[in-house]
Amino acid sequence: MSAIQRWMLGSGSPPYQVRANDPAERSRPFDVAQAADCLTVSVHFVRRLLRERRISSVEVGRPVRFDPDDLDQYIDAGRRSAL
């Protein structure tokens, strides 16, 4: 069960808001699962974004990590203004 699902069931806190307010969590790079929770999408979708090079990442050996600021930029890039 993902952090989003736990939050929706009322047994946790929303993961992105918690990370956004916690400087210690924001200073460490996210793995694929954490990035998926942050973007509220599936791990498969995050891997597709990587494959299509639509999202910035850092490879540390084989594992892939994401800078929380890069995830925020991805979110902002998809923002639409109201009419």
C-alpha atoms as a PDB file:
ATOM      1  CA  MET A   1       0.000   0.000   0.000  1.00  0.00           C
ATOM      2  CA  SER A   2       1.438   3.372  -0.993  1.00  0.00           C
ATOM      3  CA  ALA A   3       1.661   6.405   1.256  1.00  0.00           C
ATOM      4  CA  ILE A   4      -1.118   8.054  -0.761  1.00  0.00           C
ATOM      5  CA  GLN A   5      -3.432   5.088  -0.234  1.00  0.00           C
ATOM      6  CA  ARG A   6      -2.682   5.084   3.517  1.00  0.00           C
ATOM      7  CA  TRP A   7      -3.428   8.815   3.630  1.00  0.00           C
ATOM      8  CA  MET A   8      -6.695   8.384   1.737  1.00  0.00           C
ATOM      9  CA  LEU A   9      -7.747   5.692   4.229  1.00  0.00           C
ATOM     10  CA  GLY A  10      -6.992   8.069   7.092  1.00  0.00           C
ATOM     11  CA  SER A  11      -4.043   6.188   8.608  1.00  0.00           C
ATOM     12  CA  GLY A  12      -1.245   8.497   7.532  1.00  0.00           C
ATOM     13  CA  SER A  13      -0.314  11.980   6.454  1.00  0.00           C
ATOM     14  CA  PRO A  14      -0.032  13.179   2.845  1.00  0.00           C
ATOM     15  CA  PRO A  15       3.543  12.335   1.779  1.00  0.00           C
ATOM     16  CA  TYR A  16       4.287  15.321  -0.442  1.00  0.00           C
ATOM     17  CA  GLN A  17       3.218  17.945   2.078  1.00  0.00           C
ATOM     18  CA  VAL A  18       5.198  16.230   4.841  1.00  0.00           C
ATOM     19  CA  ARG A  19       8.320  16.109   2.705  1.00  0.00           C
ATOM     20  CA  ALA A  20       7.846  19.693   1.550  1.00  0.00           C
ATOM     21  CA  ASN A  21       7.811  20.947   5.135  1.00  0.00           C
ATOM     22  CA  ASP A  22      10.630  18.753   6.455  1.00  0.00           C
ATOM     23  CA  PRO A  23      14.045  20.183   5.427  1.00  0.00           C
ATOM     24  CA  ALA A  24      15.835  16.951   6.397  1.00  0.00           C
ATOM     25  CA  GLU A  25      13.655  14.942   4.001  1.00  0.00           C
ATOM     26  CA  ARG A  26      13.964  17.548   1.234  1.00  0.00           C
ATOM     27  CA  SER A  27      17.777  17.471   1.363  1.00  0.00           C
ATOM     28  CA  ARG A  28      17.978  13.764   0.465  1.00  0.00           C
ATOM     29  CA  PRO A  29      17.261  12.510  -3.044  1.00  0.00           C
ATOM     30  CA  PHE A  30      14.147  10.382  -3.583  1.00  0.00           C
ATOM     31  CA  ASP A  31      14.128   6.888  -5.047  1.00  0.00           C
ATOM     32  CA  VAL A  32      11.610   5.854  -7.725  1.00  0.00           C
ATOM     33  CA  ALA A  33       8.922   4.831  -5.221  1.00  0.00           C
ATOM     34  CA  GLN A  34       9.255   8.083  -3.258  1.00  0.00           C
ATOM     35  CA  ALA A  35       9.127  10.099  -6.488  1.00  0.00           C
ATOM     36  CA  ALA A  36       5.952   8.248  -7.480  1.00  0.00           C
ATOM     37  CA  ASP A  37       4.395   9.064  -4.098  1.00  0.00           C
ATOM     38  CA  CYS A  38       5.482  12.687  -4.437  1.00  0.00           C
ATOM     39  CA  LEU A  39       3.884  12.982  -7.881  1.00  0.00           C
ATOM     40  CA  THR A  40       0.898  10.796  -6.864  1.00  0.00           C
ATOM     41  CA  VAL A  41       1.457   8.499  -9.833  1.00  0.00           C
ATOM     42  CA  SER A  42       2.523   4.867 -10.229  1.00  0.00           C
ATOM     43  CA  VAL A  43       6.126   3.667 -10.207  1.00  0.00           C
ATOM     44  CA  HIS A  44       5.554   2.457 -13.769  1.00  0.00           C
ATOM     45  CA  PHE A  45       4.680   6.019 -14.865  1.00  0.00           C
ATOM     46  CA  VAL A  46       7.834   7.433 -13.214  1.00  0.00           C
ATOM     47  CA  ARG A  47       9.938   4.824 -15.029  1.00  0.00           C
ATOM     48  CA  ARG A  48       8.230   5.807 -18.301  1.00  0.00           C
ATOM     49  CA  LEU A  49       9.071   9.471 -17.635  1.00  0.00           C
ATOM     50  CA  LEU A  50      12.692   8.398 -17.131  1.00  0.00           C
ATOM     51  CA  ARG A  51      12.751   6.337 -20.315  1.00  0.00           C
ATOM     52  CA  GLU A  52      11.316   9.268 -22.296  1.00  0.00           C
ATOM     53  CA  ARG A  53      13.735  11.686 -20.547  1.00  0.00           C
ATOM     54  CA  ARG A  54      10.849  13.931 -19.469  1.00  0.00           C
ATOM     55  CA  ILE A  55      12.078  14.170 -15.876  1.00  0.00           C
ATOM     56  CA  SER A  56      15.533  14.905 -14.435  1.00  0.00           C
ATOM     57  CA  SER A  57      17.320  12.210 -12.467  1.00  0.00           C
ATOM     58  CA  VAL A  58      20.696  11.184 -11.109  1.00  0.00           C
ATOM     59  CA  GLU A  59      22.075   7.686 -11.503  1.00  0.00           C
ATOM     60  CA  VAL A  60      24.121   6.476  -8.546  1.00  0.00           C
ATOM     61  CA  GLY A  61      25.507   3.264 -10.002  1.00  0.00           C
ATOM     62  CA  ARG A  62      22.394   1.382 -11.077  1.00  0.00           C
ATOM     63  CA  PRO A  63      19.848   3.022  -8.727  1.00  0.00           C
ATOM     64  CA  VAL A  64      18.126   6.186  -9.932  1.00  0.00           C
ATOM     65  CA  ARG A  65      17.490   9.123  -7.595  1.00  0.00           C
ATOM     66  CA  PHE A  66      15.477  12.325  -7.946  1.00  0.00           C
ATOM     67  CA  ASP A  67      16.145  15.750  -6.514  1.00  0.00           C
ATOM     68  CA  PRO A  68      12.954  17.010  -4.821  1.00  0.00           C
ATOM     69  CA  ASP A  69      13.460  20.412  -6.470  1.00  0.00           C
ATOM     70  CA  ASP A  70      13.493  18.756  -9.915  1.00  0.00           C
ATOM     71  CA  LEU A  71      10.178  17.069  -9.094  1.00  0.00           C
ATOM     72  CA  ASP A  72       8.750  20.459  -8.111  1.00  0.00           C
ATOM     73  CA  GLN A  73       9.938  21.894 -11.447  1.00  0.00           C
ATOM     74  CA  TYR A  74       8.243  19.022 -13.298  1.00  0.00           C
ATOM     75  CA  ILE A  75       4.999  19.748 -11.437  1.00  0.00           C
ATOM     76  CA  ASP A  76       5.264  23.487 -12.175  1.00  0.00           C
ATOM     77  CA  ALA A  77       5.957  22.821 -15.873  1.00  0.00           C
ATOM     78  CA  GLY A  78       2.616  21.030 -16.158  1.00  0.00           C
ATOM     79  CA  ARG A  79       0.661  23.772 -14.422  1.00  0.00           C
ATOM     80  CA  ARG A  80      -2.150  25.411 -16.395  1.00  0.00           C
ATOM     81  CA  SER A  81      -3.622  28.776 -15.561  1.00  0.00           C
ATOM     82  CA  ALA A  82      -7.330  29.213 -15.058  1.00  0.00           C
ATOM     83  CA  LEU A  83      -9.389  30.880 -17.733  1.00  0.00           C
END
